[in-house]
Protein backbone atom coordinates (compact mmCIF):
# COMPACT_ATOMS: atom_id res chain seq x y z
CA MET A 1 -2.80 9.96 26.52
CA GLU A 2 -0.63 6.99 27.75
CA HIS A 3 -0.09 3.56 26.37
CA ALA A 4 1.92 0.72 27.98
CA PHE A 5 3.34 -2.25 26.55
CA ASP A 6 5.75 -5.01 26.86
CA TYR A 7 7.81 -4.58 23.81
CA LEU A 8 7.79 -1.05 21.91
CA ILE A 9 9.15 -0.73 18.24
CA VAL A 10 9.80 2.75 17.29
CA GLY A 11 9.85 2.61 13.34
CA ALA A 12 7.14 0.85 11.04
CA GLY A 13 9.77 -0.44 8.34
CA MET A 14 10.96 -4.13 7.39
CA ALA A 15 13.14 -4.09 10.69
CA GLY A 16 10.41 -2.96 12.80
CA GLU A 17 7.86 -5.48 11.19
CA ALA A 18 10.43 -8.60 11.27
CA ALA A 19 10.89 -7.97 15.13
CA ALA A 20 7.14 -7.88 15.77
CA GLN A 21 6.85 -11.19 14.08
CA ALA A 22 9.71 -12.64 16.01
CA LEU A 23 8.41 -11.18 19.54
CA ARG A 24 4.71 -12.68 18.86
CA GLU A 25 6.19 -16.35 17.90
CA ALA A 26 8.41 -15.97 21.18
CA ASP A 27 6.23 -14.46 23.35
CA ALA A 28 2.47 -15.03 22.39
CA GLY A 29 0.97 -13.42 25.37
CA ALA A 30 2.97 -10.17 25.27
CA THR A 31 1.58 -6.89 24.51
CA ILE A 32 3.32 -5.37 21.03
CA GLY A 33 3.36 -1.54 20.40
CA MET A 34 4.70 0.18 16.79
CA ILE A 35 4.83 3.62 16.12
CA GLY A 36 5.57 4.93 12.38
CA ALA A 37 6.55 8.05 11.40
CA GLU A 38 4.96 7.41 7.36
CA SER A 39 1.08 7.07 6.74
CA HIS A 40 1.63 3.51 5.38
CA PRO A 41 2.42 0.32 7.33
CA PRO A 42 5.37 -1.74 6.98
CA TYR A 43 6.10 -2.34 3.25
CA ASP A 44 9.07 -3.73 1.72
CA ARG A 45 11.13 -1.07 0.01
CA PRO A 46 13.09 -2.99 -2.74
CA PRO A 47 10.44 -3.06 -5.11
CA LEU A 48 10.27 1.25 -5.22
CA THR A 49 13.02 1.12 -7.26
CA LYS A 50 13.10 -2.51 -8.98
CA LYS A 51 9.84 -4.96 -9.54
CA LEU A 52 6.84 -2.10 -9.00
CA TRP A 53 8.63 -0.58 -12.26
CA LYS A 54 7.95 -3.64 -14.12
CA ASP A 55 4.60 -4.95 -12.75
CA GLY A 56 3.17 -2.27 -10.52
CA LYS A 57 1.71 -4.53 -8.41
CA GLU A 58 1.40 -2.50 -5.24
CA ALA A 59 -0.69 -4.86 -3.36
CA ASP A 60 2.66 -7.04 -3.25
CA ILE A 61 4.58 -4.98 -1.21
CA TRP A 62 2.79 -4.89 2.09
CA ARG A 63 4.34 -6.91 4.81
CA PRO A 64 2.04 -8.88 7.07
CA ILE A 65 2.11 -6.84 10.20
CA ASP A 66 -1.27 -8.17 11.00
CA LYS A 67 0.09 -11.65 11.55
CA ALA A 68 1.85 -9.68 14.78
CA ARG A 69 -1.13 -8.44 16.27
CA ALA A 70 0.78 -5.75 17.26
CA ALA A 71 -0.90 -2.25 17.75
CA VAL A 72 0.47 0.13 15.00
CA THR A 73 0.29 3.98 15.35
CA LEU A 74 1.05 5.71 12.02
CA GLN A 75 2.49 9.20 11.42
CA ARG A 76 3.89 9.90 14.86
CA HIS A 77 7.47 10.94 15.62
CA ALA A 78 9.10 9.70 18.73
CA THR A 79 10.71 12.75 19.98
CA ARG A 80 12.42 11.56 23.59
CA ILE A 81 12.87 8.79 25.71
CA ASP A 82 13.17 8.77 29.07
CA ARG A 83 15.37 5.89 29.96
CA THR A 84 14.68 5.88 34.10
CA ALA A 85 10.58 5.64 33.32
CA HIS A 86 11.14 3.36 30.46
CA VAL A 87 9.05 5.65 28.35
CA VAL A 88 8.96 7.06 24.98
CA HIS A 89 7.10 10.57 24.45
CA ASP A 90 5.86 11.42 20.65
CA ASP A 91 5.11 14.33 18.65
CA ALA A 92 1.12 14.25 19.37
CA GLY A 93 1.84 14.23 23.13
CA ASP A 94 1.36 10.55 24.02
CA ALA A 95 3.50 8.61 26.58
CA TRP A 96 4.22 4.92 25.70
CA LYS A 97 5.58 2.81 28.47
CA TYR A 98 7.83 -0.29 27.82
CA ARG A 99 9.69 -3.12 29.26
CA LYS A 100 11.97 -3.71 26.49
CA LEU A 101 12.27 -0.88 23.67
CA LEU A 102 13.50 -1.55 19.51
CA ILE A 103 14.82 1.61 17.73
CA ALA A 104 14.32 0.69 14.09
CA THR A 105 14.09 4.31 12.56
CA GLY A 106 15.71 3.79 9.28
CA GLY A 107 17.37 6.65 7.63
CA THR A 108 16.58 10.08 5.79
CA PRO A 109 17.60 10.74 2.29
CA ARG A 110 20.70 13.11 1.83
CA THR A 111 19.58 16.47 0.21
CA LEU A 112 21.27 18.66 -1.95
CA PRO A 113 21.98 22.82 -0.32
CA SER A 114 21.16 23.84 -4.03
CA GLY A 115 18.32 21.55 -4.37
CA GLY A 116 14.78 22.70 -5.47
CA ASP A 117 11.41 21.92 -3.18
CA ASP A 118 10.37 20.04 -5.91
CA PHE A 119 13.31 17.68 -6.21
CA ILE A 120 12.08 13.98 -5.26
CA TYR A 121 14.88 12.59 -2.42
CA TYR A 122 14.04 8.96 -3.27
CA ARG A 123 13.26 6.81 -0.41
CA THR A 124 9.50 6.01 0.39
CA PHE A 125 6.35 4.61 -1.11
CA ASP A 126 5.04 8.31 -1.20
CA ASP A 127 7.86 9.30 -3.34
CA TYR A 128 7.21 6.26 -5.41
CA GLN A 129 3.67 7.36 -6.17
CA ARG A 130 4.70 10.91 -6.73
CA LEU A 131 6.96 9.44 -9.42
CA ARG A 132 4.72 7.22 -10.56
CA GLN A 133 2.23 10.10 -11.79
CA ALA A 134 5.18 11.70 -13.73
CA VAL A 135 6.46 9.03 -15.47
CA GLN A 136 5.10 8.56 -19.47
CA PRO A 137 6.70 7.92 -22.34
CA GLY A 138 8.83 10.91 -23.78
CA ALA A 139 8.87 12.01 -19.93
CA ARG A 140 12.19 14.15 -19.24
CA ILE A 141 13.75 12.45 -16.05
CA ALA A 142 17.13 13.83 -14.43
CA VAL A 143 18.52 11.41 -11.60
CA ILE A 144 21.37 12.66 -9.72
CA GLY A 145 23.42 10.12 -8.47
CA GLY A 146 25.33 6.87 -9.67
CA GLY A 147 25.44 4.86 -6.87
CA PHE A 148 22.90 2.24 -5.60
CA ILE A 149 19.90 4.01 -5.83
CA GLY A 150 20.68 6.05 -8.60
CA SER A 151 21.70 3.44 -11.03
CA GLU A 152 18.33 1.62 -10.13
CA ILE A 153 15.96 4.47 -10.93
CA ALA A 154 17.69 5.38 -14.04
CA ALA A 155 17.28 1.66 -15.56
CA ALA A 156 13.69 1.83 -13.95
CA MET A 157 12.92 5.01 -15.71
CA ALA A 158 14.59 4.21 -18.82
CA MET A 159 12.64 0.78 -19.43
CA ASN A 160 9.32 2.91 -19.06
CA ASP A 161 10.45 5.06 -21.88
CA CYS A 162 11.34 7.92 -20.34
CA ASN A 163 14.34 10.34 -21.48
CA VAL A 164 16.65 9.85 -18.41
CA THR A 165 19.96 11.64 -18.15
CA MET A 166 22.17 10.97 -15.00
CA LEU A 167 24.20 13.40 -13.04
CA PHE A 168 26.95 12.56 -10.69
CA PRO A 169 30.25 13.99 -9.67
CA ASP A 170 32.13 10.44 -10.16
CA ASP A 171 33.88 9.49 -13.24
CA ALA A 172 31.68 6.67 -13.87
CA ILE A 173 28.24 4.66 -12.52
CA GLY A 174 29.13 2.87 -9.27
CA ALA A 175 32.94 4.37 -9.45
CA ARG A 176 32.31 4.02 -5.50
CA VAL A 177 31.97 0.24 -5.60
CA TYR A 178 32.89 -1.65 -8.56
CA PRO A 179 36.54 -1.78 -10.13
CA GLU A 180 37.28 0.77 -12.34
CA SER A 181 37.02 -1.39 -15.71
CA LEU A 182 33.80 -2.58 -14.53
CA ALA A 183 32.36 0.88 -13.88
CA ASP A 184 33.58 1.95 -17.45
CA ALA A 185 31.42 -1.07 -18.60
CA VAL A 186 28.25 -0.18 -16.76
CA THR A 187 28.51 3.41 -17.74
CA GLY A 188 28.88 2.42 -21.73
CA TYR A 189 26.17 -0.15 -21.13
CA TYR A 190 23.58 2.53 -19.63
CA ARG A 191 24.06 4.62 -22.58
CA GLU A 192 23.57 1.62 -25.19
CA LYS A 193 20.21 1.37 -23.11
CA GLY A 194 19.61 5.29 -24.12
CA VAL A 195 20.51 7.05 -20.88
CA ASP A 196 22.14 10.20 -21.24
CA VAL A 197 25.56 9.73 -18.59
CA ARG A 198 26.95 12.60 -17.55
CA ALA A 199 29.56 11.75 -15.05
CA GLY A 200 31.71 14.56 -13.74
CA ILE A 201 28.75 16.64 -13.34
CA LYS A 202 27.28 18.47 -10.10
CA VAL A 203 23.55 20.08 -10.04
CA GLU A 204 24.27 23.53 -8.85
CA GLY A 205 20.44 24.57 -8.45
CA ARG A 206 17.31 25.43 -10.52
CA ALA A 207 18.06 27.61 -13.63
CA ASP A 208 15.86 30.95 -14.31
CA HIS A 209 13.39 28.93 -16.27
CA GLY A 210 11.10 26.56 -14.05
CA SER A 211 12.21 23.43 -15.66
CA GLY A 212 15.94 24.16 -15.93
CA LEU A 213 18.86 22.58 -13.85
CA ARG A 214 21.95 24.71 -13.68
CA LEU A 215 24.96 22.13 -14.03
CA SER A 216 28.65 22.57 -12.82
CA ASP A 217 30.03 22.79 -16.45
CA GLY A 218 28.14 25.88 -17.09
CA SER A 219 25.25 24.42 -19.04
CA THR A 220 21.47 23.75 -18.33
CA LEU A 221 19.56 20.85 -18.49
CA ASP A 222 15.36 20.72 -19.07
CA ALA A 223 13.86 18.31 -16.82
CA ASP A 224 9.88 17.17 -16.42
CA VAL A 225 10.82 15.85 -12.86
CA VAL A 226 14.20 15.63 -10.91
CA VAL A 227 14.74 12.09 -8.73
CA ALA A 228 17.91 12.14 -6.25
CA GLY A 229 19.52 9.06 -4.91
CA LEU A 230 22.30 10.09 -2.94
CA GLY A 231 22.21 8.08 0.10
CA ILE A 232 20.76 8.04 3.58
CA SER A 233 21.93 9.40 6.96
CA PRO A 234 20.79 7.22 10.11
CA ASN A 235 17.98 8.72 12.16
CA VAL A 236 19.89 8.58 15.21
CA GLU A 237 18.46 11.77 16.93
CA LEU A 238 16.28 9.73 19.47
CA ALA A 239 19.13 7.63 20.73
CA GLU A 240 21.49 10.86 20.96
CA GLN A 241 18.96 12.38 23.12
CA ALA A 242 18.64 9.62 25.30
CA GLY A 243 22.41 9.28 25.64
CA LEU A 244 22.82 5.82 23.99
CA GLU A 245 26.54 5.30 22.29
CA VAL A 246 26.24 6.48 18.83
CA ASP A 247 28.76 6.21 16.29
CA ASN A 248 27.80 6.16 12.71
CA GLY A 249 24.63 4.36 13.86
CA ILE A 250 23.37 3.23 17.49
CA VAL A 251 25.93 1.06 18.89
CA VAL A 252 24.93 -2.45 19.66
CA ASP A 253 26.42 -5.60 20.76
CA ASP A 254 25.87 -9.07 18.91
CA HIS A 255 22.75 -9.12 20.37
CA LEU A 256 21.63 -6.18 19.21
CA ARG A 257 21.44 -4.02 22.37
CA SER A 258 22.36 -0.48 22.63
CA SER A 259 24.33 0.88 25.63
CA ASP A 260 21.20 0.51 27.31
CA PRO A 261 20.47 -3.08 27.66
CA ASP A 262 16.49 -2.29 27.78
CA ILE A 263 16.70 -0.72 24.48
CA TYR A 264 17.61 -2.54 21.27
CA ALA A 265 18.46 -1.54 17.81
CA ALA A 266 18.26 -3.01 14.34
CA GLY A 267 18.14 -2.22 10.72
CA ASP A 268 19.81 0.69 8.98
CA VAL A 269 20.26 2.52 11.77
CA ALA A 270 22.34 0.39 13.84
CA SER A 271 26.02 -0.33 13.88
CA PHE A 272 27.03 -3.81 14.81
CA PRO A 273 30.03 -5.90 14.74
CA ALA A 274 30.79 -8.22 12.07
CA PRO A 275 33.40 -10.65 12.99
CA ALA A 276 34.31 -12.01 9.96
CA LEU A 277 35.46 -8.60 8.94
CA GLY A 278 36.91 -7.40 12.11
CA ARG A 279 35.11 -3.86 12.40
CA ARG A 280 31.56 -2.50 13.07
CA ILE A 281 29.54 -1.91 10.06
CA ARG A 282 25.79 -0.36 9.10
CA VAL A 283 24.48 -2.02 6.26
CA GLU A 284 21.44 -0.17 4.30
CA HIS A 285 19.72 -3.27 2.65
CA GLU A 286 16.66 -5.51 2.88
CA ASN A 287 18.68 -8.68 4.25
CA ALA A 288 20.11 -6.75 7.01
CA ALA A 289 16.90 -5.06 8.08
CA ILE A 290 15.03 -8.19 8.17
CA SER A 291 17.40 -10.61 9.47
CA MET A 292 18.45 -8.17 12.30
CA GLY A 293 15.02 -7.40 13.12
CA THR A 294 14.54 -11.02 13.44
CA HIS A 295 17.01 -11.80 15.79
CA ALA A 296 16.26 -8.35 17.77
CA GLY A 297 12.83 -9.59 18.34
CA ARG A 298 14.26 -12.98 19.62
CA CYS A 299 16.88 -11.17 21.96
CA MET A 300 14.31 -8.68 23.21
CA ALA A 301 12.06 -11.97 24.50
CA GLY A 302 14.84 -13.28 26.25
CA GLU A 303 16.22 -15.78 23.76
CA ASP A 304 19.95 -16.17 23.16
CA ALA A 305 19.83 -15.04 19.37
CA PRO A 306 23.10 -13.59 18.22
CA TYR A 307 23.21 -11.58 15.26
CA ASP A 308 26.27 -13.14 13.62
CA GLU A 309 25.22 -13.27 10.01
CA LEU A 310 27.12 -11.12 7.36
CA PRO A 311 24.33 -9.94 5.30
CA PHE A 312 24.06 -9.71 1.34
CA PHE A 313 22.47 -7.22 -1.11
CA TYR A 314 21.43 -7.23 -4.71
CA SER A 315 20.49 -4.73 -7.26
CA ASP A 316 18.73 -5.02 -11.01
CA LEU A 317 20.34 -3.06 -13.62
CA PHE A 318 18.17 -3.59 -17.12
CA ASP A 319 19.45 -7.00 -17.80
CA LEU A 320 22.04 -7.12 -15.17
CA GLY A 321 21.80 -8.12 -11.76
CA TYR A 322 24.11 -9.20 -8.94
CA GLU A 323 24.29 -9.93 -5.25
CA ALA A 324 26.89 -9.15 -3.10
CA VAL A 325 28.19 -9.57 0.34
CA GLY A 326 30.84 -7.65 2.55
CA MET A 327 32.52 -4.60 1.99
CA LEU A 328 32.33 -3.40 -1.93
CA ASP A 329 34.76 -0.27 -2.11
CA SER A 330 36.71 0.60 -5.03
CA ARG A 331 39.84 1.65 -3.07
CA LEU A 332 40.40 -1.82 -2.12
CA GLU A 333 42.42 -4.38 -4.32
CA THR A 334 40.25 -5.95 -6.71
CA VAL A 335 40.38 -9.18 -8.40
CA GLU A 336 38.14 -9.74 -11.18
CA GLN A 337 37.01 -13.34 -12.68
CA TRP A 338 34.98 -13.16 -15.55
CA VAL A 339 32.99 -16.19 -17.93
CA THR A 340 31.76 -13.16 -20.21
CA PRO A 341 33.76 -9.89 -19.49
CA PHE A 342 31.46 -7.61 -17.15
CA ARG A 343 28.48 -9.87 -17.91
CA GLU A 344 29.20 -12.82 -16.11
CA GLY A 345 31.78 -13.28 -13.11
CA VAL A 346 32.99 -12.57 -9.84
CA VAL A 347 34.80 -9.87 -8.18
CA TYR A 348 36.95 -10.38 -5.07
CA TYR A 349 38.15 -7.45 -3.01
CA LEU A 350 41.15 -7.43 -0.91
CA ASP A 351 42.93 -6.13 1.99
CA ALA A 352 46.00 -7.30 4.01
CA GLY A 353 45.35 -10.90 3.00
CA ARG A 354 41.98 -10.96 3.82
CA VAL A 355 38.69 -11.40 1.57
CA ARG A 356 36.59 -8.36 2.47
CA GLY A 357 33.92 -8.75 0.02
CA VAL A 358 32.60 -10.73 -2.92
CA LEU A 359 30.56 -9.28 -5.93
CA LEU A 360 28.53 -11.79 -7.38
CA TRP A 361 27.80 -10.06 -11.03
CA ASN A 362 25.17 -12.31 -13.14
CA THR A 363 26.37 -15.21 -10.59
CA TRP A 364 23.92 -16.80 -8.78
CA GLY A 365 23.52 -18.99 -5.66
CA GLN A 366 26.97 -18.44 -3.89
CA VAL A 367 25.97 -15.74 -1.35
CA ASP A 368 27.03 -18.48 1.76
CA ALA A 369 30.03 -19.41 -0.28
CA ALA A 370 30.91 -15.72 -0.38
CA ARG A 371 30.37 -15.62 3.17
CA ASN A 372 32.49 -18.69 4.00
CA LEU A 373 35.02 -17.04 2.03
CA ILE A 374 35.05 -13.61 3.74
CA ALA A 375 35.67 -15.36 7.22
CA SER A 376 38.35 -17.60 6.14
CA PRO A 377 41.75 -16.13 7.59
CA GLY A 378 43.50 -16.93 4.46
CA PRO A 379 45.80 -15.27 3.35
CA PHE A 380 44.71 -14.27 0.37
CA ASP A 381 46.05 -12.55 -2.93
CA ALA A 382 45.36 -11.69 -6.46
CA GLU A 383 46.54 -15.23 -7.62
CA ASN A 384 45.19 -17.67 -4.99
CA VAL A 385 41.96 -16.22 -4.94
CA LEU A 386 40.84 -16.82 -8.34
CA GLY A 387 38.64 -19.83 -8.73
CA ARG A 388 37.55 -19.92 -5.22
CA LEU A 389 34.44 -19.39 -6.34
CA PRO A 390 32.53 -20.78 -9.38
CA ALA A 391 31.68 -17.72 -11.76
CA SER A 392 28.46 -18.90 -12.48
CA ALA A 393 26.38 -21.23 -10.77
């Protein structure tokens, strides 16, 4: 079957949905098509590790794709782009002709070479539903990963009265992001909340008995459910097949155009210029997905709407929470400014006299100020950066 649209969006996630809304607003009479690999229409991902485990209100996560009046086709994988003919081919044999194309294919969870088929590599609403069925008081949940997703899942499981064990190879929770003192404090906080945190441990596979895991220290761990949060790899295969420039994501300019002027990219899959950081970045968070999708839609419709916003992200960890902007890398110089140590404050990430990232720990309303600080030429050092942002709003 052949289809034809003014604008075609490959990917039915947050970035794709935001682009569809922007396209409809900018070009009221246009035809908009969307191909999605999942069986569900666009939805918000953050609640999968946060809000849904507190209130269970699944009806609240769905994005209003109907307002965009887009033709949405689900459970389809785009397999090939014919750039000359302006046609996308899918795994059902259909051809989708476009005038402008957006690739918003997101990412695929990283997996363990030793992982079992029953491991939940947490990413989708289907993963949430599968885990939800297993969650009950006393359930033994093994969470592999001590980063962004792993720490949120572990907190959510513990707050649902499960017996949670965290397993990861680093020295502490968030060790690659937080300064060492904060990472150690968060790890201690999780243990106070009843989580069995096993740092420096890798999962080597299933034990001889069905519910056991073989661990790198020679021990075994029994678990009813194994959930892994190991990050994602961007889904760039379609772009690579089409000969688009790819470098840790699909390379786009400030108008989110790829190396083909009729093909755009947004969301987890896009590598975009961040002038405030002096480099390209790829960001796997809600704010980036929605704002990039919106700008991509406007640019596809012919507006001059460059994407020049440094995205922020946020997390909820039991009673702790944070917002963050820029590069959070514990290998950078970190400067800590606490109102209450490890409970409320600001962490600055410095490199070569510039602020490269800001972690607002239980400190709210300072995202724009943090962006401005990152954009400032400085120079900054460990002394003069202190107090640049209020530690509490």
